[in-house]
Every structure is written in structure tokens, then in C-alpha cells.
Amino acid sequence: KAAVKCWFTAGVKAMPLIMKLQSDLQEILTVDHIIVLRAEKKWYAGILTWEYTCQALVEGKMVPFVLLFHPEECQWKLKRTKEK
């Protein structure tokens, strides 16, 4: 799970801006300046999910990741992708 600060446009589109995560060492990590490369609507078992393909600068490296937004639950989840 991820805590995400996002901006909702007038057209009801959510754009993630900043996220906070808990590390394996129980530290709170802040990732800001999220770059959204692609946003897609997807349905899993009939449930709407917004999938954001993103990248952000983390500890001096550009890290790719996917954020999933579940509007029915108002919940964000992080899915790490393999680095290129």
C-alpha cells in the first residue's frame, strides 16, 4: 500500500503527485516529483482500477513503478517494475 497525494482534475482524473511508503526497516520514505508516463483504465474481475506507469528520482536513480488506484475503495497500491 502507498499513501498518495494526488490532484483530481475537473474531469475527475486523478494525477499522483507525491507518495509515502514504509520501508522494510519501518522508515517512512517520501517520493515526490512523480512523472506519470501513462494512465490507463483497467477492469479486474469487473472492478475499475486506474493504472499509472510512473517514474521518479529516488536516491539519485530514476526508478520505474506502477501505481494502482482503486476508486471504489479510495486506495492506492504500489507495484514495482523491473528497471531497464
PDB file of N, CA and C in Angstrom:
ATOM      1  N   LYS A   1       0.840  -1.187   0.000  1.00  0.00           N
ATOM      2  CA  LYS A   1       0.000   0.000   0.000  1.00  0.00           C
ATOM      3  C   LYS A   1       0.875   1.236   0.000  1.00  0.00           C
ATOM      4  N   ALA A   2       0.321   2.331  -0.484  1.00  0.00           N
ATOM      5  CA  ALA A   2       1.042   3.597  -0.527  1.00  0.00           C
ATOM      6  C   ALA A   2       0.085   4.726  -0.146  1.00  0.00           C
ATOM      7  N   ALA A   3       0.616   5.715   0.539  1.00  0.00           N
ATOM      8  CA  ALA A   3      -0.143   6.930   0.815  1.00  0.00           C
ATOM      9  C   ALA A   3       0.221   7.910  -0.291  1.00  0.00           C
ATOM     10  N   VAL A   4      -0.776   8.344  -1.058  1.00  0.00           N
ATOM     11  CA  VAL A   4      -0.513   9.169  -2.236  1.00  0.00           C
ATOM     12  C   VAL A   4      -1.276  10.480  -2.135  1.00  0.00           C
ATOM     13  N   LYS A   5      -0.565  11.566  -2.399  1.00  0.00           N
ATOM     14  CA  LYS A   5      -1.188  12.878  -2.541  1.00  0.00           C
ATOM     15  C   LYS A   5      -1.413  13.064  -4.030  1.00  0.00           C
ATOM     16  N   CYS A   6      -2.672  13.303  -4.409  1.00  0.00           N
ATOM     17  CA  CYS A   6      -2.945  13.429  -5.833  1.00  0.00           C
ATOM     18  C   CYS A   6      -3.836  14.639  -6.098  1.00  0.00           C
ATOM     19  N   TRP A   7      -3.863  15.005  -7.348  1.00  0.00           N
ATOM     20  CA  TRP A   7      -4.676  16.118  -7.814  1.00  0.00           C
ATOM     21  C   TRP A   7      -5.772  15.528  -8.680  1.00  0.00           C
ATOM     22  N   PHE A   8      -7.011  15.856  -8.378  1.00  0.00           N
ATOM     23  CA  PHE A   8      -8.134  15.420  -9.189  1.00  0.00           C
ATOM     24  C   PHE A   8      -8.529  16.560 -10.112  1.00  0.00           C
ATOM     25  N   THR A   9      -8.496  16.314 -11.412  1.00  0.00           N
ATOM     26  CA  THR A   9      -8.834  17.343 -12.394  1.00  0.00           C
ATOM     27  C   THR A   9     -10.344  17.560 -12.404  1.00  0.00           C
ATOM     28  N   ALA A  10     -10.776  18.598 -13.125  1.00  0.00           N
ATOM     29  CA  ALA A  10     -12.205  18.867 -13.253  1.00  0.00           C
ATOM     30  C   ALA A  10     -12.913  17.716 -13.953  1.00  0.00           C
ATOM     31  N   GLY A  11     -12.178  16.970 -14.767  1.00  0.00           N
ATOM     32  CA  GLY A  11     -12.739  15.819 -15.459  1.00  0.00           C
ATOM     33  C   GLY A  11     -12.671  14.550 -14.628  1.00  0.00           C
ATOM     34  N   VAL A  12     -12.421  14.662 -13.333  1.00  0.00           N
ATOM     35  CA  VAL A  12     -12.366  13.565 -12.368  1.00  0.00           C
ATOM     36  C   VAL A  12     -11.226  12.585 -12.670  1.00  0.00           C
ATOM     37  N   LYS A  13     -10.129  13.084 -13.176  1.00  0.00           N
ATOM     38  CA  LYS A  13      -8.947  12.256 -13.408  1.00  0.00           C
ATOM     39  C   LYS A  13      -7.977  12.496 -12.250  1.00  0.00           C
ATOM     40  N   ALA A  14      -7.461  11.421 -11.667  1.00  0.00           N
ATOM     41  CA  ALA A  14      -6.526  11.535 -10.547  1.00  0.00           C
ATOM     42  C   ALA A  14      -5.099  11.522 -11.082  1.00  0.00           C
ATOM     43  N   MET A  15      -4.284  12.472 -10.646  1.00  0.00           N
ATOM     44  CA  MET A  15      -2.881  12.540 -11.051  1.00  0.00           C
ATOM     45  C   MET A  15      -2.012  12.492  -9.796  1.00  0.00           C
ATOM     46  N   PRO A  16      -1.269  11.402  -9.575  1.00  0.00           N
ATOM     47  CA  PRO A  16      -0.422  11.296  -8.372  1.00  0.00           C
ATOM     48  C   PRO A  16       0.708  12.310  -8.396  1.00  0.00           C
ATOM     49  N   LEU A  17       0.945  12.950  -7.246  1.00  0.00           N
ATOM     50  CA  LEU A  17       1.987  13.968  -7.115  1.00  0.00           C
ATOM     51  C   LEU A  17       3.130  13.505  -6.210  1.00  0.00           C
ATOM     52  N   ILE A  18       2.776  12.980  -5.046  1.00  0.00           N
ATOM     53  CA  ILE A  18       3.744  12.566  -4.019  1.00  0.00           C
ATOM     54  C   ILE A  18       3.229  11.289  -3.378  1.00  0.00           C
ATOM     55  N   MET A  19       4.155  10.387  -2.992  1.00  0.00           N
ATOM     56  CA  MET A  19       3.719   9.218  -2.237  1.00  0.00           C
ATOM     57  C   MET A  19       4.649   8.983  -1.056  1.00  0.00           C
ATOM     58  N   LYS A  20       4.100   8.362  -0.040  1.00  0.00           N
ATOM     59  CA  LYS A  20       4.869   7.969   1.137  1.00  0.00           C
ATOM     60  C   LYS A  20       4.694   6.478   1.318  1.00  0.00           C
ATOM     61  N   LEU A  21       5.812   5.822   1.636  1.00  0.00           N
ATOM     62  CA  LEU A  21       5.844   4.373   1.801  1.00  0.00           C
ATOM     63  C   LEU A  21       6.571   4.023   3.078  1.00  0.00           C
ATOM     64  N   GLN A  22       6.295   2.852   3.603  1.00  0.00           N
ATOM     65  CA  GLN A  22       7.035   2.364   4.760  1.00  0.00           C
ATOM     66  C   GLN A  22       8.050   1.342   4.269  1.00  0.00           C
ATOM     67  N   SER A  23       9.321   1.561   4.610  1.00  0.00           N
ATOM     68  CA  SER A  23      10.390   0.655   4.178  1.00  0.00           C
ATOM     69  C   SER A  23      10.382  -0.621   5.015  1.00  0.00           C
ATOM     70  N   ASP A  24      11.216  -1.562   4.602  1.00  0.00           N
ATOM     71  CA  ASP A  24      11.355  -2.808   5.364  1.00  0.00           C
ATOM     72  C   ASP A  24      11.887  -2.543   6.771  1.00  0.00           C
ATOM     73  N   LEU A  25      12.604  -1.412   6.929  1.00  0.00           N
ATOM     74  CA  LEU A  25      13.155  -1.034   8.231  1.00  0.00           C
ATOM     75  C   LEU A  25      12.197  -0.144   9.021  1.00  0.00           C
ATOM     76  N   GLN A  26      10.927  -0.090   8.566  1.00  0.00           N
ATOM     77  CA  GLN A  26       9.871   0.687   9.217  1.00  0.00           C
ATOM     78  C   GLN A  26      10.084   2.201   9.117  1.00  0.00           C
ATOM     79  N   GLU A  27      10.915   2.661   8.186  1.00  0.00           N
ATOM     80  CA  GLU A  27      11.113   4.092   7.959  1.00  0.00           C
ATOM     81  C   GLU A  27      10.073   4.576   6.955  1.00  0.00           C
ATOM     82  N   ILE A  28       9.673   5.838   7.078  1.00  0.00           N
ATOM     83  CA  ILE A  28       8.741   6.436   6.126  1.00  0.00           C
ATOM     84  C   ILE A  28       9.563   7.107   5.030  1.00  0.00           C
ATOM     85  N   LEU A  29       9.361   6.658   3.795  1.00  0.00           N
ATOM     86  CA  LEU A  29      10.064   7.212   2.647  1.00  0.00           C
ATOM     87  C   LEU A  29       9.109   8.089   1.853  1.00  0.00           C
ATOM     88  N   THR A  30       9.597   9.267   1.439  1.00  0.00           N
ATOM     89  CA  THR A  30       8.802  10.173   0.630  1.00  0.00           C
ATOM     90  C   THR A  30       9.358  10.204  -0.781  1.00  0.00           C
ATOM     91  N   VAL A  31       8.490   9.994  -1.748  1.00  0.00           N
ATOM     92  CA  VAL A  31       8.868  10.061  -3.161  1.00  0.00           C
ATOM     93  C   VAL A  31       8.039  11.182  -3.772  1.00  0.00           C
ATOM     94  N   ASP A  32       8.729  12.229  -4.219  1.00  0.00           N
ATOM     95  CA  ASP A  32       7.995  13.344  -4.817  1.00  0.00           C
ATOM     96  C   ASP A  32       8.410  13.517  -6.278  1.00  0.00           C
ATOM     97  N   HIS A  33       7.818  14.468  -6.924  1.00  0.00           N
ATOM     98  CA  HIS A  33       8.066  14.736  -8.348  1.00  0.00           C
ATOM     99  C   HIS A  33       7.843  13.482  -9.189  1.00  0.00           C
ATOM    100  N   ILE A  34       6.702  12.866  -8.979  1.00  0.00           N
ATOM    101  CA  ILE A  34       6.339  11.675  -9.739  1.00  0.00           C
ATOM    102  C   ILE A  34       6.030  12.071 -11.183  1.00  0.00           C
ATOM    103  N   ILE A  35       6.631  11.367 -12.112  1.00  0.00           N
ATOM    104  CA  ILE A  35       6.383  11.598 -13.534  1.00  0.00           C
ATOM    105  C   ILE A  35       5.465  10.484 -14.023  1.00  0.00           C
ATOM    106  N   VAL A  36       4.273  10.860 -14.470  1.00  0.00           N
ATOM    107  CA  VAL A  36       3.317   9.880 -14.990  1.00  0.00           C
ATOM    108  C   VAL A  36       3.581   9.726 -16.488  1.00  0.00           C
ATOM    109  N   LEU A  37       3.946   8.525 -16.899  1.00  0.00           N
ATOM    110  CA  LEU A  37       4.220   8.238 -18.302  1.00  0.00           C
ATOM    111  C   LEU A  37       2.965   7.798 -19.046  1.00  0.00           C
ATOM    112  N   ARG A  38       2.082   7.099 -18.325  1.00  0.00           N
ATOM    113  CA  ARG A  38       0.861   6.598 -18.953  1.00  0.00           C
ATOM    114  C   ARG A  38      -0.181   6.334 -17.866  1.00  0.00           C
ATOM    115  N   ALA A  39      -1.426   6.597 -18.186  1.00  0.00           N
ATOM    116  CA  ALA A  39      -2.531   6.287 -17.274  1.00  0.00           C
ATOM    117  C   ALA A  39      -3.585   5.523 -18.062  1.00  0.00           C
ATOM    118  N   GLU A  40      -4.015   4.389 -17.510  1.00  0.00           N
ATOM    119  CA  GLU A  40      -4.996   3.543 -18.195  1.00  0.00           C
ATOM    120  C   GLU A  40      -6.073   3.088 -17.234  1.00  0.00           C
ATOM    121  N   LYS A  41      -7.308   3.015 -17.749  1.00  0.00           N
ATOM    122  CA  LYS A  41      -8.406   2.407 -17.003  1.00  0.00           C
ATOM    123  C   LYS A  41      -8.351   0.918 -17.274  1.00  0.00           C
ATOM    124  N   LYS A  42      -8.444   0.128 -16.205  1.00  0.00           N
ATOM    125  CA  LYS A  42      -8.463  -1.326 -16.362  1.00  0.00           C
ATOM    126  C   LYS A  42      -9.526  -1.895 -15.438  1.00  0.00           C
ATOM    127  N   TRP A  43     -10.056  -3.031 -15.840  1.00  0.00           N
ATOM    128  CA  TRP A  43     -11.046  -3.721 -15.022  1.00  0.00           C
ATOM    129  C   TRP A  43     -10.505  -5.087 -14.649  1.00  0.00           C
ATOM    130  N   TYR A  44     -10.494  -5.379 -13.359  1.00  0.00           N
ATOM    131  CA  TYR A  44     -10.087  -6.681 -12.841  1.00  0.00           C
ATOM    132  C   TYR A  44     -11.292  -7.276 -12.137  1.00  0.00           C
ATOM    133  N   ALA A  45     -11.795  -8.388 -12.664  1.00  0.00           N
ATOM    134  CA  ALA A  45     -12.990  -9.035 -12.110  1.00  0.00           C
ATOM    135  C   ALA A  45     -14.153  -8.040 -12.015  1.00  0.00           C
ATOM    136  N   GLY A  46     -14.265  -7.166 -13.020  1.00  0.00           N
ATOM    137  CA  GLY A  46     -15.347  -6.188 -13.074  1.00  0.00           C
ATOM    138  C   GLY A  46     -15.165  -4.968 -12.200  1.00  0.00           C
ATOM    139  N   ILE A  47     -14.008  -4.840 -11.540  1.00  0.00           N
ATOM    140  CA  ILE A  47     -13.747  -3.695 -10.651  1.00  0.00           C
ATOM    141  C   ILE A  47     -12.787  -2.739 -11.346  1.00  0.00           C
ATOM    142  N   LEU A  48     -13.180  -1.461 -11.410  1.00  0.00           N
ATOM    143  CA  LEU A  48     -12.358  -0.438 -12.065  1.00  0.00           C
ATOM    144  C   LEU A  48     -11.090  -0.159 -11.274  1.00  0.00           C
ATOM    145  N   THR A  49      -9.981  -0.103 -11.983  1.00  0.00           N
ATOM    146  CA  THR A  49      -8.687   0.263 -11.415  1.00  0.00           C
ATOM    147  C   THR A  49      -7.989   1.193 -12.401  1.00  0.00           C
ATOM    148  N   TRP A  50      -7.438   2.282 -11.894  1.00  0.00           N
ATOM    149  CA  TRP A  50      -6.605   3.155 -12.713  1.00  0.00           C
ATOM    150  C   TRP A  50      -5.167   2.707 -12.535  1.00  0.00           C
ATOM    151  N   GLU A  51      -4.472   2.471 -13.635  1.00  0.00           N
ATOM    152  CA  GLU A  51      -3.084   2.018 -13.580  1.00  0.00           C
ATOM    153  C   GLU A  51      -2.192   3.126 -14.138  1.00  0.00           C
ATOM    154  N   TYR A  52      -1.274   3.615 -13.298  1.00  0.00           N
ATOM    155  CA  TYR A  52      -0.359   4.690 -13.674  1.00  0.00           C
ATOM    156  C   TYR A  52       1.052   4.136 -13.799  1.00  0.00           C
ATOM    157  N   THR A  53       1.606   4.205 -14.997  1.00  0.00           N
ATOM    158  CA  THR A  53       3.002   3.836 -15.209  1.00  0.00           C
ATOM    159  C   THR A  53       3.806   5.109 -14.947  1.00  0.00           C
ATOM    160  N   CYS A  54       4.718   5.050 -13.970  1.00  0.00           N
ATOM    161  CA  CYS A  54       5.406   6.244 -13.488  1.00  0.00           C
ATOM    162  C   CYS A  54       6.911   6.025 -13.377  1.00  0.00           C
ATOM    163  N   GLN A  55       7.588   7.117 -13.077  1.00  0.00           N
ATOM    164  CA  GLN A  55       8.990   7.056 -12.666  1.00  0.00           C
ATOM    165  C   GLN A  55       9.251   8.260 -11.767  1.00  0.00           C
ATOM    166  N   ALA A  56      10.264   8.122 -10.914  1.00  0.00           N
ATOM    167  CA  ALA A  56      10.643   9.201 -10.003  1.00  0.00           C
ATOM    168  C   ALA A  56      12.113   9.040  -9.640  1.00  0.00           C
ATOM    169  N   LEU A  57      12.718  10.141  -9.286  1.00  0.00           N
ATOM    170  CA  LEU A  57      14.110  10.134  -8.862  1.00  0.00           C
ATOM    171  C   LEU A  57      14.166   9.712  -7.394  1.00  0.00           C
ATOM    172  N   VAL A  58      14.810   8.563  -7.140  1.00  0.00           N
ATOM    173  CA  VAL A  58      14.932   8.030  -5.783  1.00  0.00           C
ATOM    174  C   VAL A  58      16.403   7.729  -5.534  1.00  0.00           C
ATOM    175  N   GLU A  59      16.973   8.412  -4.551  1.00  0.00           N
ATOM    176  CA  GLU A  59      18.388   8.235  -4.196  1.00  0.00           C
ATOM    177  C   GLU A  59      19.297   8.349  -5.418  1.00  0.00           C
ATOM    178  N   GLY A  60      19.025   9.346  -6.259  1.00  0.00           N
ATOM    179  CA  GLY A  60      19.879   9.626  -7.408  1.00  0.00           C
ATOM    180  C   GLY A  60      19.642   8.764  -8.632  1.00  0.00           C
ATOM    181  N   LYS A  61      18.649   7.848  -8.576  1.00  0.00           N
ATOM    182  CA  LYS A  61      18.351   6.977  -9.714  1.00  0.00           C
ATOM    183  C   LYS A  61      16.893   7.138 -10.126  1.00  0.00           C
ATOM    184  N   MET A  62      16.640   7.097 -11.441  1.00  0.00           N
ATOM    185  CA  MET A  62      15.265   7.097 -11.923  1.00  0.00           C
ATOM    186  C   MET A  62      14.705   5.688 -11.748  1.00  0.00           C
ATOM    187  N   VAL A  63      13.657   5.579 -10.982  1.00  0.00           N
ATOM    188  CA  VAL A  63      13.073   4.276 -10.651  1.00  0.00           C
ATOM    189  C   VAL A  63      11.684   4.177 -11.289  1.00  0.00           C
ATOM    190  N   PRO A  64      11.467   3.156 -12.124  1.00  0.00           N
ATOM    191  CA  PRO A  64      10.132   2.952 -12.688  1.00  0.00           C
ATOM    192  C   PRO A  64       9.243   2.199 -11.707  1.00  0.00           C
ATOM    193  N   PHE A  65       7.955   2.497 -11.738  1.00  0.00           N
ATOM    194  CA  PHE A  65       6.990   1.800 -10.891  1.00  0.00           C
ATOM    195  C   PHE A  65       5.597   2.006 -11.450  1.00  0.00           C
ATOM    196  N   VAL A  66       4.667   1.235 -10.938  1.00  0.00           N
ATOM    197  CA  VAL A  66       3.262   1.344 -11.329  1.00  0.00           C
ATOM    198  C   VAL A  66       2.454   1.620 -10.072  1.00  0.00           C
ATOM    199  N   LEU A  67       1.598   2.635 -10.141  1.00  0.00           N
ATOM    200  CA  LEU A  67       0.659   2.922  -9.066  1.00  0.00           C
ATOM    201  C   LEU A  67      -0.722   2.480  -9.520  1.00  0.00           C
ATOM    202  N   LEU A  68      -1.410   1.778  -8.650  1.00  0.00           N
ATOM    203  CA  LEU A  68      -2.773   1.341  -8.928  1.00  0.00           C
ATOM    204  C   LEU A  68      -3.721   2.090  -8.007  1.00  0.00           C
ATOM    205  N   PHE A  69      -4.733   2.729  -8.584  1.00  0.00           N
ATOM    206  CA  PHE A  69      -5.727   3.450  -7.793  1.00  0.00           C
ATOM    207  C   PHE A  69      -7.063   2.739  -7.926  1.00  0.00           C
ATOM    208  N   HIS A  70      -7.615   2.352  -6.777  1.00  0.00           N
ATOM    209  CA  HIS A  70      -8.909   1.671  -6.727  1.00  0.00           C
ATOM    210  C   HIS A  70      -9.943   2.688  -6.231  1.00  0.00           C
ATOM    211  N   PRO A  71     -10.697   3.326  -7.152  1.00  0.00           N
ATOM    212  CA  PRO A  71     -11.610   4.396  -6.741  1.00  0.00           C
ATOM    213  C   PRO A  71     -12.726   3.947  -5.806  1.00  0.00           C
ATOM    214  N   GLU A  72     -13.210   2.713  -5.945  1.00  0.00           N
ATOM    215  CA  GLU A  72     -14.286   2.245  -5.060  1.00  0.00           C
ATOM    216  C   GLU A  72     -13.835   2.190  -3.608  1.00  0.00           C
ATOM    217  N   GLU A  73     -12.555   1.872  -3.389  1.00  0.00           N
ATOM    218  CA  GLU A  73     -12.004   1.781  -2.032  1.00  0.00           C
ATOM    219  C   GLU A  73     -11.225   3.036  -1.659  1.00  0.00           C
ATOM    220  N   CYS A  74     -10.981   3.905  -2.645  1.00  0.00           N
ATOM    221  CA  CYS A  74     -10.136   5.096  -2.472  1.00  0.00           C
ATOM    222  C   CYS A  74      -8.783   4.675  -1.891  1.00  0.00           C
ATOM    223  N   GLN A  75      -8.171   3.689  -2.541  1.00  0.00           N
ATOM    224  CA  GLN A  75      -6.918   3.114  -2.054  1.00  0.00           C
ATOM    225  C   GLN A  75      -5.890   3.040  -3.181  1.00  0.00           C
ATOM    226  N   TRP A  76      -4.631   3.338  -2.820  1.00  0.00           N
ATOM    227  CA  TRP A  76      -3.509   3.265  -3.754  1.00  0.00           C
ATOM    228  C   TRP A  76      -2.629   2.077  -3.388  1.00  0.00           C
ATOM    229  N   LYS A  77      -2.087   1.427  -4.425  1.00  0.00           N
ATOM    230  CA  LYS A  77      -1.130   0.338  -4.218  1.00  0.00           C
ATOM    231  C   LYS A  77       0.046   0.551  -5.157  1.00  0.00           C
ATOM    232  N   LEU A  78       1.222   0.166  -4.700  1.00  0.00           N
ATOM    233  CA  LEU A  78       2.448   0.305  -5.471  1.00  0.00           C
ATOM    234  C   LEU A  78       2.846  -1.052  -6.018  1.00  0.00           C
ATOM    235  N   LYS A  79       3.185  -1.069  -7.289  1.00  0.00           N
ATOM    236  CA  LYS A  79       3.692  -2.285  -7.921  1.00  0.00           C
ATOM    237  C   LYS A  79       5.027  -1.910  -8.560  1.00  0.00           C
ATOM    238  N   ARG A  80       6.089  -2.447  -8.034  1.00  0.00           N
ATOM    239  CA  ARG A  80       7.439  -2.141  -8.531  1.00  0.00           C
ATOM    240  C   ARG A  80       7.654  -2.857  -9.852  1.00  0.00           C
ATOM    241  N   THR A  81       8.291  -2.204 -10.816  1.00  0.00           N
ATOM    242  CA  THR A  81       8.599  -2.821 -12.097  1.00  0.00           C
ATOM    243  C   THR A  81      10.084  -3.035 -12.203  1.00  0.00           C
ATOM    244  N   LYS A  82      10.471  -3.879 -13.126  1.00  0.00           N
ATOM    245  CA  LYS A  82      11.900  -4.132 -13.330  1.00  0.00           C
ATOM    246  C   LYS A  82      12.547  -2.932 -13.995  1.00  0.00           C
ATOM    247  N   GLU A  83      13.748  -2.567 -13.501  1.00  0.00           N
ATOM    248  CA  GLU A  83      14.476  -1.452 -14.076  1.00  0.00           C
ATOM    249  C   GLU A  83      15.081  -1.858 -15.404  1.00  0.00           C
ATOM    250  N   LYS A  84      15.129  -0.891 -16.329  1.00  0.00           N
ATOM    251  CA  LYS A  84      15.702  -1.157 -17.663  1.00  0.00           C
ATOM    252  C   LYS A  84      17.185  -0.931 -17.674  1.00  0.00           C
TER     253      LYS A  84
END
